[in-house]
PDB file of N, CA and C in Angstrom:
ATOM      1  N   MET A   1      -1.854  18.044 -25.074  1.00  0.00           N
ATOM      2  CA  MET A   1      -2.192  17.498 -23.776  1.00  0.00           C
ATOM      3  C   MET A   1      -1.654  18.406 -22.686  1.00  0.00           C
ATOM      4  N   LYS A   2      -2.470  18.686 -21.704  1.00  0.00           N
ATOM      5  CA  LYS A   2      -2.034  19.500 -20.599  1.00  0.00           C
ATOM      6  C   LYS A   2      -1.234  18.651 -19.627  1.00  0.00           C
ATOM      7  N   THR A   3      -0.152  19.195 -19.166  1.00  0.00           N
ATOM      8  CA  THR A   3       0.657  18.503 -18.169  1.00  0.00           C
ATOM      9  C   THR A   3       0.984  19.459 -17.042  1.00  0.00           C
ATOM     10  N   VAL A   4       1.426  18.889 -15.953  1.00  0.00           N
ATOM     11  CA  VAL A   4       1.863  19.682 -14.800  1.00  0.00           C
ATOM     12  C   VAL A   4       3.371  19.690 -14.836  1.00  0.00           C
ATOM     13  N   ASP A   5       3.969  20.867 -14.731  1.00  0.00           N
ATOM     14  CA  ASP A   5       5.430  20.978 -14.780  1.00  0.00           C
ATOM     15  C   ASP A   5       6.047  20.226 -13.586  1.00  0.00           C
ATOM     16  N   PHE A   6       7.117  19.526 -13.880  1.00  0.00           N
ATOM     17  CA  PHE A   6       7.826  18.799 -12.845  1.00  0.00           C
ATOM     18  C   PHE A   6       9.312  18.959 -13.060  1.00  0.00           C
ATOM     19  N   GLN A   7      10.094  18.551 -12.108  1.00  0.00           N
ATOM     20  CA  GLN A   7      11.546  18.607 -12.202  1.00  0.00           C
ATOM     21  C   GLN A   7      12.121  17.392 -11.506  1.00  0.00           C
ATOM     22  N   SER A   8      13.416  17.242 -11.573  1.00  0.00           N
ATOM     23  CA  SER A   8      14.073  16.124 -10.894  1.00  0.00           C
ATOM     24  C   SER A   8      14.322  16.553  -9.426  1.00  0.00           C
ATOM     25  N   CYS A   9      14.388  15.554  -8.595  1.00  0.00           N
ATOM     26  CA  CYS A   9      14.648  15.797  -7.180  1.00  0.00           C
ATOM     27  C   CYS A   9      15.982  15.194  -6.797  1.00  0.00           C
ATOM     28  N   GLU A  10      16.630  15.770  -5.819  1.00  0.00           N
ATOM     29  CA  GLU A  10      17.913  15.285  -5.345  1.00  0.00           C
ATOM     30  C   GLU A  10      17.797  13.931  -4.660  1.00  0.00           C
ATOM     31  N   CYS A  11      16.606  13.591  -4.190  1.00  0.00           N
ATOM     32  CA  CYS A  11      16.433  12.337  -3.427  1.00  0.00           C
ATOM     33  C   CYS A  11      16.427  11.096  -4.324  1.00  0.00           C
ATOM     34  N   SER A  12      16.026  11.268  -5.577  1.00  0.00           N
ATOM     35  CA  SER A  12      15.952  10.122  -6.509  1.00  0.00           C
ATOM     36  C   SER A  12      15.721  10.653  -7.923  1.00  0.00           C
ATOM     37  N   ASP A  13      15.419   9.728  -8.823  1.00  0.00           N
ATOM     38  CA  ASP A  13      15.134  10.147 -10.180  1.00  0.00           C
ATOM     39  C   ASP A  13      13.633  10.280 -10.429  1.00  0.00           C
ATOM     40  N   LYS A  14      12.851  10.352  -9.362  1.00  0.00           N
ATOM     41  CA  LYS A  14      11.401  10.479  -9.467  1.00  0.00           C
ATOM     42  C   LYS A  14      11.008  11.909  -9.936  1.00  0.00           C
ATOM     43  N   ARG A  15       9.818  11.995 -10.524  1.00  0.00           N
ATOM     44  CA  ARG A  15       9.269  13.319 -10.856  1.00  0.00           C
ATOM     45  C   ARG A  15       9.006  14.050  -9.535  1.00  0.00           C
ATOM     46  N   ALA A  16       9.314  15.315  -9.488  1.00  0.00           N
ATOM     47  CA  ALA A  16       9.120  16.107  -8.286  1.00  0.00           C
ATOM     48  C   ALA A  16       8.335  17.346  -8.609  1.00  0.00           C
ATOM     49  N   PHE A  17       7.447  17.694  -7.735  1.00  0.00           N
ATOM     50  CA  PHE A  17       6.619  18.872  -7.894  1.00  0.00           C
ATOM     51  C   PHE A  17       6.955  19.874  -6.769  1.00  0.00           C
ATOM     52  N   PRO A  18       6.953  21.160  -7.072  1.00  0.00           N
ATOM     53  CA  PRO A  18       7.411  22.138  -6.100  1.00  0.00           C
ATOM     54  C   PRO A  18       6.474  22.369  -4.902  1.00  0.00           C
ATOM     55  N   ASP A  19       5.176  22.098  -5.081  1.00  0.00           N
ATOM     56  CA  ASP A  19       4.237  22.310  -3.971  1.00  0.00           C
ATOM     57  C   ASP A  19       3.130  21.262  -4.010  1.00  0.00           C
ATOM     58  N   ARG A  20       2.399  21.214  -2.918  1.00  0.00           N
ATOM     59  CA  ARG A  20       1.319  20.222  -2.772  1.00  0.00           C
ATOM     60  C   ARG A  20       0.237  20.385  -3.858  1.00  0.00           C
ATOM     61  N   ARG A  21      -0.097  21.618  -4.161  1.00  0.00           N
ATOM     62  CA  ARG A  21      -1.156  21.874  -5.155  1.00  0.00           C
ATOM     63  C   ARG A  21      -0.783  21.279  -6.502  1.00  0.00           C
ATOM     64  N   ALA A  22       0.460  21.477  -6.945  1.00  0.00           N
ATOM     65  CA  ALA A  22       0.919  20.929  -8.224  1.00  0.00           C
ATOM     66  C   ALA A  22       0.898  19.400  -8.179  1.00  0.00           C
ATOM     67  N   ALA A  23       1.299  18.838  -7.055  1.00  0.00           N
ATOM     68  CA  ALA A  23       1.326  17.359  -6.910  1.00  0.00           C
ATOM     69  C   ALA A  23      -0.097  16.801  -6.962  1.00  0.00           C
ATOM     70  N   GLU A  24      -1.033  17.464  -6.261  1.00  0.00           N
ATOM     71  CA  GLU A  24      -2.422  17.002  -6.256  1.00  0.00           C
ATOM     72  C   GLU A  24      -3.030  17.116  -7.657  1.00  0.00           C
ATOM     73  N   LYS A  25      -2.695  18.152  -8.398  1.00  0.00           N
ATOM     74  CA  LYS A  25      -3.176  18.302  -9.758  1.00  0.00           C
ATOM     75  C   LYS A  25      -2.607  17.185 -10.638  1.00  0.00           C
ATOM     76  N   ALA A  26      -1.352  16.888 -10.494  1.00  0.00           N
ATOM     77  CA  ALA A  26      -0.726  15.821 -11.273  1.00  0.00           C
ATOM     78  C   ALA A  26      -1.323  14.445 -10.861  1.00  0.00           C
ATOM     79  N   LEU A  27      -1.644  14.286  -9.591  1.00  0.00           N
ATOM     80  CA  LEU A  27      -2.266  13.052  -9.124  1.00  0.00           C
ATOM     81  C   LEU A  27      -3.611  12.853  -9.774  1.00  0.00           C
ATOM     82  N   GLY A  28      -4.437  13.885  -9.819  1.00  0.00           N
ATOM     83  CA  GLY A  28      -5.730  13.771 -10.455  1.00  0.00           C
ATOM     84  C   GLY A  28      -5.629  13.430 -11.920  1.00  0.00           C
ATOM     85  N   ARG A  29      -4.681  14.032 -12.618  1.00  0.00           N
ATOM     86  CA  ARG A  29      -4.479  13.755 -14.044  1.00  0.00           C
ATOM     87  C   ARG A  29      -3.985  12.323 -14.237  1.00  0.00           C
ATOM     88  N   ALA A  30      -3.094  11.868 -13.398  1.00  0.00           N
ATOM     89  CA  ALA A  30      -2.568  10.506 -13.516  1.00  0.00           C
ATOM     90  C   ALA A  30      -3.679   9.468 -13.268  1.00  0.00           C
ATOM     91  N   GLN A  31      -4.502   9.709 -12.264  1.00  0.00           N
ATOM     92  CA  GLN A  31      -5.612   8.789 -11.963  1.00  0.00           C
ATOM     93  C   GLN A  31      -6.610   8.743 -13.116  1.00  0.00           C
ATOM     94  N   ALA A  32      -6.938   9.901 -13.680  1.00  0.00           N
ATOM     95  CA  ALA A  32      -7.864   9.957 -14.809  1.00  0.00           C
ATOM     96  C   ALA A  32      -7.318   9.219 -16.011  1.00  0.00           C
ATOM     97  N   LYS A  33      -6.022   9.379 -16.255  1.00  0.00           N
ATOM     98  CA  LYS A  33      -5.385   8.695 -17.390  1.00  0.00           C
ATOM     99  C   LYS A  33      -5.430   7.183 -17.200  1.00  0.00           C
ATOM    100  N   ARG A  34      -5.129   6.726 -16.004  1.00  0.00           N
ATOM    101  CA  ARG A  34      -5.170   5.263 -15.736  1.00  0.00           C
ATOM    102  C   ARG A  34      -6.587   4.731 -15.911  1.00  0.00           C
ATOM    103  N   ASP A  35      -7.583   5.465 -15.407  1.00  0.00           N
ATOM    104  CA  ASP A  35      -8.966   5.043 -15.508  1.00  0.00           C
ATOM    105  C   ASP A  35      -9.436   4.958 -16.971  1.00  0.00           C
ATOM    106  N   ARG A  36      -9.056   5.975 -17.750  1.00  0.00           N
ATOM    107  CA  ARG A  36      -9.398   5.966 -19.202  1.00  0.00           C
ATOM    108  C   ARG A  36      -8.726   4.797 -19.899  1.00  0.00           C
ATOM    109  N   HIS A  37      -7.499   4.541 -19.584  1.00  0.00           N
ATOM    110  CA  HIS A  37      -6.777   3.433 -20.197  1.00  0.00           C
ATOM    111  C   HIS A  37      -7.446   2.086 -19.851  1.00  0.00           C
ATOM    112  N   ALA A  38      -7.794   1.913 -18.606  1.00  0.00           N
ATOM    113  CA  ALA A  38      -8.430   0.649 -18.170  1.00  0.00           C
ATOM    114  C   ALA A  38      -9.789   0.479 -18.838  1.00  0.00           C
ATOM    115  N   ALA A  39     -10.546   1.553 -18.980  1.00  0.00           N
ATOM    116  CA  ALA A  39     -11.885   1.462 -19.605  1.00  0.00           C
ATOM    117  C   ALA A  39     -11.743   1.179 -21.103  1.00  0.00           C
ATOM    118  N   ARG A  40     -10.773   1.737 -21.740  1.00  0.00           N
ATOM    119  CA  ARG A  40     -10.598   1.554 -23.181  1.00  0.00           C
ATOM    120  C   ARG A  40     -10.222   0.116 -23.523  1.00  0.00           C
ATOM    121  N   PHE A  41      -9.401  -0.480 -22.713  1.00  0.00           N
ATOM    122  CA  PHE A  41      -8.942  -1.829 -23.011  1.00  0.00           C
ATOM    123  C   PHE A  41      -9.674  -2.890 -22.196  1.00  0.00           C
ATOM    124  N   GLU A  42     -10.730  -2.510 -21.521  1.00  0.00           N
ATOM    125  CA  GLU A  42     -11.527  -3.429 -20.705  1.00  0.00           C
ATOM    126  C   GLU A  42     -10.617  -4.275 -19.828  1.00  0.00           C
ATOM    127  N   HIS A  43      -9.757  -3.595 -19.151  1.00  0.00           N
ATOM    128  CA  HIS A  43      -8.783  -4.226 -18.271  1.00  0.00           C
ATOM    129  C   HIS A  43      -9.484  -5.003 -17.158  1.00  0.00           C
ATOM    130  N   HIS A  44      -9.173  -6.255 -17.028  1.00  0.00           N
ATOM    131  CA  HIS A  44      -9.780  -7.059 -15.961  1.00  0.00           C
ATOM    132  C   HIS A  44      -8.752  -7.231 -14.847  1.00  0.00           C
ATOM    133  N   GLY A  45      -9.193  -6.959 -13.659  1.00  0.00           N
ATOM    134  CA  GLY A  45      -8.288  -7.064 -12.523  1.00  0.00           C
ATOM    135  C   GLY A  45      -7.879  -5.681 -12.060  1.00  0.00           C
ATOM    136  N   PRO A  46      -7.138  -5.632 -10.979  1.00  0.00           N
ATOM    137  CA  PRO A  46      -6.749  -4.337 -10.420  1.00  0.00           C
ATOM    138  C   PRO A  46      -5.730  -3.622 -11.304  1.00  0.00           C
ATOM    139  N   ILE A  47      -5.857  -2.291 -11.354  1.00  0.00           N
ATOM    140  CA  ILE A  47      -4.857  -1.509 -12.087  1.00  0.00           C
ATOM    141  C   ILE A  47      -4.012  -0.785 -11.079  1.00  0.00           C
ATOM    142  N   ASP A  48      -2.741  -0.611 -11.416  1.00  0.00           N
ATOM    143  CA  ASP A  48      -1.859   0.168 -10.577  1.00  0.00           C
ATOM    144  C   ASP A  48      -2.104   1.635 -10.871  1.00  0.00           C
ATOM    145  N   ARG A  49      -2.396   2.385  -9.835  1.00  0.00           N
ATOM    146  CA  ARG A  49      -2.568   3.822 -10.029  1.00  0.00           C
ATOM    147  C   ARG A  49      -2.074   4.595  -8.812  1.00  0.00           C
ATOM    148  N   GLU A  50      -1.659   5.768  -9.069  1.00  0.00           N
ATOM    149  CA  GLU A  50      -1.143   6.621  -7.985  1.00  0.00           C
ATOM    150  C   GLU A  50      -2.286   6.923  -7.015  1.00  0.00           C
ATOM    151  N   ASN A  51      -1.989   6.820  -5.701  1.00  0.00           N
ATOM    152  CA  ASN A  51      -2.999   7.018  -4.700  1.00  0.00           C
ATOM    153  C   ASN A  51      -2.865   8.323  -3.903  1.00  0.00           C
ATOM    154  N   ARG A  52      -1.667   8.814  -3.781  1.00  0.00           N
ATOM    155  CA  ARG A  52      -1.476   9.971  -2.929  1.00  0.00           C
ATOM    156  C   ARG A  52      -0.166  10.675  -3.264  1.00  0.00           C
ATOM    157  N   ALA A  53      -0.032  11.865  -2.732  1.00  0.00           N
ATOM    158  CA  ALA A  53       1.208  12.657  -2.870  1.00  0.00           C
ATOM    159  C   ALA A  53       1.861  12.741  -1.485  1.00  0.00           C
ATOM    160  N   TYR A  54       3.163  12.801  -1.475  1.00  0.00           N
ATOM    161  CA  TYR A  54       3.883  12.964  -0.203  1.00  0.00           C
ATOM    162  C   TYR A  54       5.081  13.877  -0.397  1.00  0.00           C
ATOM    163  N   GLN A  55       5.517  14.476   0.696  1.00  0.00           N
ATOM    164  CA  GLN A  55       6.645  15.375   0.634  1.00  0.00           C
ATOM    165  C   GLN A  55       7.900  14.647   1.075  1.00  0.00           C
ATOM    166  N   CYS A  56       8.974  14.775   0.278  1.00  0.00           N
ATOM    167  CA  CYS A  56      10.212  14.102   0.629  1.00  0.00           C
ATOM    168  C   CYS A  56      11.053  14.983   1.560  1.00  0.00           C
ATOM    169  N   ASP A  57      12.191  14.455   1.974  1.00  0.00           N
ATOM    170  CA  ASP A  57      13.074  15.174   2.889  1.00  0.00           C
ATOM    171  C   ASP A  57      13.688  16.428   2.264  1.00  0.00           C
ATOM    172  N   TYR A  58      13.650  16.532   0.944  1.00  0.00           N
ATOM    173  CA  TYR A  58      14.215  17.684   0.257  1.00  0.00           C
ATOM    174  C   TYR A  58      13.167  18.756  -0.025  1.00  0.00           C
ATOM    175  N   GLY A  59      11.939  18.557   0.484  1.00  0.00           N
ATOM    176  CA  GLY A  59      10.903  19.556   0.355  1.00  0.00           C
ATOM    177  C   GLY A  59      10.092  19.501  -0.940  1.00  0.00           C
ATOM    178  N   MET A  60      10.395  18.526  -1.776  1.00  0.00           N
ATOM    179  CA  MET A  60       9.627  18.363  -3.021  1.00  0.00           C
ATOM    180  C   MET A  60       8.504  17.380  -2.807  1.00  0.00           C
ATOM    181  N   TRP A  61       7.549  17.373  -3.722  1.00  0.00           N
ATOM    182  CA  TRP A  61       6.377  16.481  -3.625  1.00  0.00           C
ATOM    183  C   TRP A  61       6.439  15.430  -4.705  1.00  0.00           C
ATOM    184  N   HIS A  62       6.112  14.185  -4.354  1.00  0.00           N
ATOM    185  CA  HIS A  62       6.124  13.057  -5.261  1.00  0.00           C
ATOM    186  C   HIS A  62       4.781  12.310  -5.225  1.00  0.00           C
ATOM    187  N   LEU A  63       4.495  11.544  -6.266  1.00  0.00           N
ATOM    188  CA  LEU A  63       3.307  10.693  -6.288  1.00  0.00           C
ATOM    189  C   LEU A  63       3.727   9.281  -5.961  1.00  0.00           C
ATOM    190  N   THR A  64       2.812   8.545  -5.329  1.00  0.00           N
ATOM    191  CA  THR A  64       3.090   7.131  -4.974  1.00  0.00           C
ATOM    192  C   THR A  64       1.843   6.310  -5.113  1.00  0.00           C
ATOM    193  N   LYS A  65       2.051   5.024  -5.387  1.00  0.00           N
ATOM    194  CA  LYS A  65       0.932   4.087  -5.496  1.00  0.00           C
ATOM    195  C   LYS A  65       0.622   3.502  -4.119  1.00  0.00           C
ATOM    196  N   GLN A  66       1.513   3.703  -3.138  1.00  0.00           N
ATOM    197  CA  GLN A  66       1.298   3.173  -1.791  1.00  0.00           C
ATOM    198  C   GLN A  66       0.158   3.918  -1.127  1.00  0.00           C
ATOM    199  N   SER A  67      -0.744   3.169  -0.538  1.00  0.00           N
ATOM    200  CA  SER A  67      -1.901   3.788   0.118  1.00  0.00           C
ATOM    201  C   SER A  67      -1.469   4.399   1.449  1.00  0.00           C
ATOM    202  N   ARG A  68      -2.245   5.335   1.946  1.00  0.00           N
ATOM    203  CA  ARG A  68      -1.977   5.963   3.221  1.00  0.00           C
ATOM    204  C   ARG A  68      -1.981   4.919   4.351  1.00  0.00           C
ATOM    205  N   ARG A  69      -2.934   3.997   4.295  1.00  0.00           N
ATOM    206  CA  ARG A  69      -3.032   2.958   5.321  1.00  0.00           C
ATOM    207  C   ARG A  69      -1.781   2.076   5.341  1.00  0.00           C
ATOM    208  N   SER A  70      -1.361   1.646   4.149  1.00  0.00           N
ATOM    209  CA  SER A  70      -0.174   0.818   4.059  1.00  0.00           C
ATOM    210  C   SER A  70       1.050   1.545   4.588  1.00  0.00           C
ATOM    211  N   TYR A  71       1.180   2.826   4.266  1.00  0.00           N
ATOM    212  CA  TYR A  71       2.309   3.599   4.747  1.00  0.00           C
ATOM    213  C   TYR A  71       2.263   3.760   6.271  1.00  0.00           C
ATOM    214  N   GLU A  72       1.104   4.032   6.821  1.00  0.00           N
ATOM    215  CA  GLU A  72       1.003   4.195   8.260  1.00  0.00           C
ATOM    216  C   GLU A  72       1.289   2.905   9.013  1.00  0.00           C
ATOM    217  N   GLU A  73       0.885   1.769   8.455  1.00  0.00           N
ATOM    218  CA  GLU A  73       1.195   0.469   9.057  1.00  0.00           C
ATOM    219  C   GLU A  73       2.706   0.227   9.028  1.00  0.00           C
ATOM    220  N   TRP A  74       3.342   0.532   7.892  1.00  0.00           N
ATOM    221  CA  TRP A  74       4.793   0.378   7.761  1.00  0.00           C
ATOM    222  C   TRP A  74       5.513   1.290   8.752  1.00  0.00           C
ATOM    223  N   ALA A  75       5.083   2.515   8.843  1.00  0.00           N
ATOM    224  CA  ALA A  75       5.709   3.476   9.753  1.00  0.00           C
ATOM    225  C   ALA A  75       5.582   3.043  11.224  1.00  0.00           C
ATOM    226  N   ALA A  76       4.430   2.493  11.558  1.00  0.00           N
ATOM    227  CA  ALA A  76       4.206   2.017  12.936  1.00  0.00           C
ATOM    228  C   ALA A  76       5.124   0.835  13.268  1.00  0.00           C
ATOM    229  N   ARG A  77       5.301  -0.065  12.306  1.00  0.00           N
ATOM    230  CA  ARG A  77       6.194  -1.209  12.543  1.00  0.00           C
ATOM    231  C   ARG A  77       7.629  -0.774  12.664  1.00  0.00           C
ATOM    232  N   ASN A  78       8.040   0.239  11.926  1.00  0.00           N
ATOM    233  CA  ASN A  78       9.438   0.626  11.904  1.00  0.00           C
ATOM    234  C   ASN A  78       9.765   1.801  12.852  1.00  0.00           C
ATOM    235  N   ALA A  79       8.811   2.246  13.610  1.00  0.00           N
ATOM    236  CA  ALA A  79       9.040   3.371  14.534  1.00  0.00           C
ATOM    237  C   ALA A  79       9.796   2.924  15.775  1.00  0.00           C
ATOM    238  N   ALA A  80       9.679   1.685  16.114  1.00  0.00           N
ATOM    239  CA  ALA A  80      10.271   1.202  17.359  1.00  0.00           C
ATOM    240  C   ALA A  80      11.751   1.029  17.291  1.00  0.00           C
TER     241      ALA A  80
END
């Protein structure tokens, strides 16, 4: 199985990718894996899947299930 190299980040124990391209590649693979799993088991209902990549304060890239819209709404509420 092909994987995207990752490492640990100082910000948490999450998988971290050195650049946006690697994170986007890992995101595509993760989404495809979730979709294949859901199709194989005829999963009914919503599945949790990674939606986007973001850069942390330490300069590494992480995957998250939080949507861009949800993040922007949260950021707007907490900006004040």
